[in-house]
Amino acid sequence: MARLLDAPSGSAGFSLSAVTGLALLGLVAASVAIAAPSPRATNATAIKPIMETHTLPPYPAESIHAHEEGLVLLAVTIGADGAVSKASVFKPSGHQRLDVAAADYVKSHWRWQPATKAGKPVATNTRISVVFKLASKAAAKKL
């Protein structure tokens, strides 16, 4: 099952706590957590970005067969146009395929309403956690 996780408690920004279900072949799950935009990108007159579209990255088939699981922490730049202009691995999962899948997918598929400052769209930074977890290692072995 896939779900969105709350941002770390005590963060100065926003968090998403909506739970959404998505099973990938009934074998894998991914979770996503959004952290607060970095303090240098926002101030008291700024409005933080709002996520418009997000789907969970597909679990790489090779990673399923290799029974790879892990949490990827991405450093993301959201441009003034709301597109993810940069997604880099801040803390790797320990499996390069999962790291690359998370960063590439977030950069190419996610969209935001941009942050604004004095009513004008501005770029901002945030961190996103993507968790890849096999729902059943025994079931994955059958693939």
C-alpha atoms as a PDB file:
ATOM      1  CA  MET A   1       0.000   0.000   0.000  1.00  0.00           C
ATOM      2  CA  ALA A   2       1.261   3.467  -0.789  1.00  0.00           C
ATOM      3  CA  ARG A   3       0.699   6.415   1.451  1.00  0.00           C
ATOM      4  CA  LEU A   4       1.751   9.949   2.097  1.00  0.00           C
ATOM      5  CA  LEU A   5       3.511  10.480   5.382  1.00  0.00           C
ATOM      6  CA  ASP A   6       3.493  13.593   7.538  1.00  0.00           C
ATOM      7  CA  ALA A   7       6.524  15.827   7.394  1.00  0.00           C
ATOM      8  CA  PRO A   8       8.664  15.683  10.517  1.00  0.00           C
ATOM      9  CA  SER A   9       6.889  17.195  13.513  1.00  0.00           C
ATOM     10  CA  GLY A  10       7.976  20.657  14.474  1.00  0.00           C
ATOM     11  CA  SER A  11       8.766  21.626  10.893  1.00  0.00           C
ATOM     12  CA  ALA A  12       8.064  25.219  10.022  1.00  0.00           C
ATOM     13  CA  GLY A  13       6.393  24.442   6.704  1.00  0.00           C
ATOM     14  CA  PHE A  14       3.568  22.327   5.496  1.00  0.00           C
ATOM     15  CA  SER A  15       2.833  18.640   5.672  1.00  0.00           C
ATOM     16  CA  LEU A  16       0.592  16.275   3.822  1.00  0.00           C
ATOM     17  CA  SER A  17      -1.283  13.677   5.770  1.00  0.00           C
ATOM     18  CA  ALA A  18      -3.786  12.406   3.265  1.00  0.00           C
ATOM     19  CA  VAL A  19      -3.600   8.675   2.895  1.00  0.00           C
ATOM     20  CA  THR A  20      -3.890   7.248  -0.571  1.00  0.00           C
ATOM     21  CA  GLY A  21      -3.900   3.594  -1.503  1.00  0.00           C
ATOM     22  CA  LEU A  22      -2.115   2.134  -4.465  1.00  0.00           C
ATOM     23  CA  ALA A  23      -0.940  -1.434  -4.841  1.00  0.00           C
ATOM     24  CA  LEU A  24       1.566  -2.283  -7.532  1.00  0.00           C
ATOM     25  CA  LEU A  25       0.903  -5.872  -8.554  1.00  0.00           C
ATOM     26  CA  GLY A  26      -0.064  -6.493  -4.941  1.00  0.00           C
ATOM     27  CA  LEU A  27       3.630  -6.932  -4.173  1.00  0.00           C
ATOM     28  CA  VAL A  28       5.183  -3.562  -3.545  1.00  0.00           C
ATOM     29  CA  ALA A  29       4.499  -0.309  -1.794  1.00  0.00           C
ATOM     30  CA  ALA A  30       5.981   3.145  -1.796  1.00  0.00           C
ATOM     31  CA  SER A  31       5.431   6.007   0.593  1.00  0.00           C
ATOM     32  CA  VAL A  32       6.150   9.674   0.189  1.00  0.00           C
ATOM     33  CA  ALA A  33       6.764  12.333   2.824  1.00  0.00           C
ATOM     34  CA  ILE A  34       7.083  16.015   2.133  1.00  0.00           C
ATOM     35  CA  ALA A  35       9.226  18.187   4.384  1.00  0.00           C
ATOM     36  CA  ALA A  36       9.014  21.913   4.909  1.00  0.00           C
ATOM     37  CA  PRO A  37      10.513  24.211   2.295  1.00  0.00           C
ATOM     38  CA  SER A  38      13.920  25.445   3.353  1.00  0.00           C
ATOM     39  CA  PRO A  39      13.862  28.562   5.559  1.00  0.00           C
ATOM     40  CA  ARG A  40      16.017  30.557   3.152  1.00  0.00           C
ATOM     41  CA  ALA A  41      13.407  30.113   0.416  1.00  0.00           C
ATOM     42  CA  THR A  42      10.512  31.443   2.484  1.00  0.00           C
ATOM     43  CA  ASN A  43       9.782  34.228   4.918  1.00  0.00           C
ATOM     44  CA  ALA A  44       6.781  35.713   6.726  1.00  0.00           C
ATOM     45  CA  THR A  45       5.349  37.218   3.515  1.00  0.00           C
ATOM     46  CA  ALA A  46       5.844  34.107   1.421  1.00  0.00           C
ATOM     47  CA  ILE A  47       3.231  31.507   0.598  1.00  0.00           C
ATOM     48  CA  LYS A  48       4.589  27.969   0.465  1.00  0.00           C
ATOM     49  CA  PRO A  49       4.123  25.718  -2.577  1.00  0.00           C
ATOM     50  CA  ILE A  50       1.109  23.417  -2.798  1.00  0.00           C
ATOM     51  CA  MET A  51       1.379  19.995  -4.393  1.00  0.00           C
ATOM     52  CA  GLU A  52      -0.886  19.672  -7.433  1.00  0.00           C
ATOM     53  CA  THR A  53       0.018  16.320  -8.921  1.00  0.00           C
ATOM     54  CA  HIS A  54       1.929  13.411  -7.537  1.00  0.00           C
ATOM     55  CA  THR A  55       1.898   9.757  -8.298  1.00  0.00           C
ATOM     56  CA  LEU A  56       4.169   7.238  -6.716  1.00  0.00           C
ATOM     57  CA  PRO A  57       7.203   6.107  -8.664  1.00  0.00           C
ATOM     58  CA  PRO A  58       6.985   2.615 -10.088  1.00  0.00           C
ATOM     59  CA  TYR A  59       9.022   0.018  -8.229  1.00  0.00           C
ATOM     60  CA  PRO A  60      11.908  -0.983 -10.539  1.00  0.00           C
ATOM     61  CA  ALA A  61      11.389  -4.566 -11.690  1.00  0.00           C
ATOM     62  CA  GLU A  62      15.051  -5.408 -11.085  1.00  0.00           C
ATOM     63  CA  SER A  63      14.709  -4.140  -7.517  1.00  0.00           C
ATOM     64  CA  ILE A  64      11.676  -6.353  -6.937  1.00  0.00           C
ATOM     65  CA  HIS A  65      13.597  -9.412  -8.138  1.00  0.00           C
ATOM     66  CA  ALA A  66      16.623  -8.432  -6.019  1.00  0.00           C
ATOM     67  CA  HIS A  67      14.347  -7.827  -2.980  1.00  0.00           C
ATOM     68  CA  GLU A  68      15.647  -4.263  -2.616  1.00  0.00           C
ATOM     69  CA  GLU A  69      13.868  -1.960  -0.182  1.00  0.00           C
ATOM     70  CA  GLY A  70      14.741   1.422   1.230  1.00  0.00           C
ATOM     71  CA  LEU A  71      14.002   5.062   1.924  1.00  0.00           C
ATOM     72  CA  VAL A  72      15.280   7.701  -0.499  1.00  0.00           C
ATOM     73  CA  LEU A  73      15.469  11.283   0.773  1.00  0.00           C
ATOM     74  CA  LEU A  74      15.424  13.759  -2.115  1.00  0.00           C
ATOM     75  CA  ALA A  75      16.395  17.432  -2.120  1.00  0.00           C
ATOM     76  CA  VAL A  76      13.946  19.067  -4.520  1.00  0.00           C
ATOM     77  CA  THR A  77      13.822  22.507  -6.112  1.00  0.00           C
ATOM     78  CA  ILE A  78      10.375  23.643  -7.212  1.00  0.00           C
ATOM     79  CA  GLY A  79      10.642  26.311  -9.889  1.00  0.00           C
ATOM     80  CA  ALA A  80       8.579  29.473 -10.174  1.00  0.00           C
ATOM     81  CA  ASP A  81       6.535  27.616 -12.809  1.00  0.00           C
ATOM     82  CA  GLY A  82       5.629  24.837 -10.332  1.00  0.00           C
ATOM     83  CA  ALA A  83       7.714  22.185 -12.069  1.00  0.00           C
ATOM     84  CA  VAL A  84      10.392  20.255 -10.211  1.00  0.00           C
ATOM     85  CA  SER A  85      13.556  21.730 -11.705  1.00  0.00           C
ATOM     86  CA  LYS A  86      15.944  19.640  -9.634  1.00  0.00           C
ATOM     87  CA  ALA A  87      15.628  16.409  -7.681  1.00  0.00           C
ATOM     88  CA  SER A  88      18.817  15.015  -6.222  1.00  0.00           C
ATOM     89  CA  VAL A  89      19.464  12.264  -3.720  1.00  0.00           C
ATOM     90  CA  PHE A  90      20.100  13.846  -0.315  1.00  0.00           C
ATOM     91  CA  LYS A  91      20.248  10.527   1.556  1.00  0.00           C
ATOM     92  CA  PRO A  92      20.444   7.312  -0.496  1.00  0.00           C
ATOM     93  CA  SER A  93      18.455   4.158   0.138  1.00  0.00           C
ATOM     94  CA  GLY A  94      21.460   1.902  -0.260  1.00  0.00           C
ATOM     95  CA  HIS A  95      20.195   0.745  -3.667  1.00  0.00           C
ATOM     96  CA  GLN A  96      21.099   2.923  -6.634  1.00  0.00           C
ATOM     97  CA  ARG A  97      18.147   1.713  -8.739  1.00  0.00           C
ATOM     98  CA  LEU A  98      15.688   2.932  -6.089  1.00  0.00           C
ATOM     99  CA  ASP A  99      17.504   6.262  -5.722  1.00  0.00           C
ATOM    100  CA  VAL A 100      17.499   6.915  -9.472  1.00  0.00           C
ATOM    101  CA  ALA A 101      13.869   5.789  -9.876  1.00  0.00           C
ATOM    102  CA  ALA A 102      12.683   8.161  -7.140  1.00  0.00           C
ATOM    103  CA  ALA A 103      14.648  11.211  -8.343  1.00  0.00           C
ATOM    104  CA  ASP A 104      13.846  10.751 -12.033  1.00  0.00           C
ATOM    105  CA  TYR A 105      10.150  10.136 -11.435  1.00  0.00           C
ATOM    106  CA  VAL A 106       9.615  13.065  -9.059  1.00  0.00           C
ATOM    107  CA  LYS A 107      11.415  15.421 -11.446  1.00  0.00           C
ATOM    108  CA  SER A 108       9.473  14.340 -14.517  1.00  0.00           C
ATOM    109  CA  HIS A 109       5.990  13.693 -13.080  1.00  0.00           C
ATOM    110  CA  TRP A 110       5.301  15.908 -10.071  1.00  0.00           C
ATOM    111  CA  ARG A 111       3.793  19.395 -10.307  1.00  0.00           C
ATOM    112  CA  TRP A 112       3.178  22.133  -7.709  1.00  0.00           C
ATOM    113  CA  GLN A 113       1.458  25.470  -7.388  1.00  0.00           C
ATOM    114  CA  PRO A 114       4.631  27.515  -6.907  1.00  0.00           C
ATOM    115  CA  ALA A 115       5.539  29.330  -3.745  1.00  0.00           C
ATOM    116  CA  THR A 116       4.937  33.055  -3.898  1.00  0.00           C
ATOM    117  CA  LYS A 117       6.648  36.042  -2.358  1.00  0.00           C
ATOM    118  CA  ALA A 118       4.962  39.443  -2.519  1.00  0.00           C
ATOM    119  CA  GLY A 119       2.389  37.841  -4.825  1.00  0.00           C
ATOM    120  CA  LYS A 120       4.947  36.641  -7.385  1.00  0.00           C
ATOM    121  CA  PRO A 121       5.898  32.998  -8.030  1.00  0.00           C
ATOM    122  CA  VAL A 122       9.345  32.068  -6.723  1.00  0.00           C
ATOM    123  CA  ALA A 123      11.500  28.960  -6.645  1.00  0.00           C
ATOM    124  CA  THR A 124      11.732  27.100  -3.347  1.00  0.00           C
ATOM    125  CA  ASN A 125      13.433  24.025  -1.915  1.00  0.00           C
ATOM    126  CA  THR A 126      12.051  21.086   0.029  1.00  0.00           C
ATOM    127  CA  ARG A 127      12.884  17.492   0.860  1.00  0.00           C
ATOM    128  CA  ILE A 128      10.817  14.481  -0.123  1.00  0.00           C
ATOM    129  CA  SER A 129      11.088  10.953   1.250  1.00  0.00           C
ATOM    130  CA  VAL A 130      10.163   8.039  -0.977  1.00  0.00           C
ATOM    131  CA  VAL A 131       9.947   4.617   0.661  1.00  0.00           C
ATOM    132  CA  PHE A 132      10.173   1.460  -1.414  1.00  0.00           C
ATOM    133  CA  LYS A 133       8.963  -1.595   0.491  1.00  0.00           C
ATOM    134  CA  LEU A 134       8.033  -5.020  -0.772  1.00  0.00           C
ATOM    135  CA  ALA A 135       4.603  -5.936   0.539  1.00  0.00           C
ATOM    136  CA  SER A 136       5.533  -9.586   0.642  1.00  0.00           C
ATOM    137  CA  LYS A 137       9.039 -10.879   0.069  1.00  0.00           C
ATOM    138  CA  ALA A 138       7.648 -14.395  -0.287  1.00  0.00           C
ATOM    139  CA  ALA A 139       5.298 -13.248  -3.054  1.00  0.00           C
ATOM    140  CA  ALA A 140       8.114 -11.346  -4.787  1.00  0.00           C
ATOM    141  CA  LYS A 141      10.200 -14.529  -4.904  1.00  0.00           C
ATOM    142  CA  LYS A 142       7.496 -16.120  -7.068  1.00  0.00           C
ATOM    143  CA  LEU A 143       8.041 -13.535  -9.828  1.00  0.00           C
END
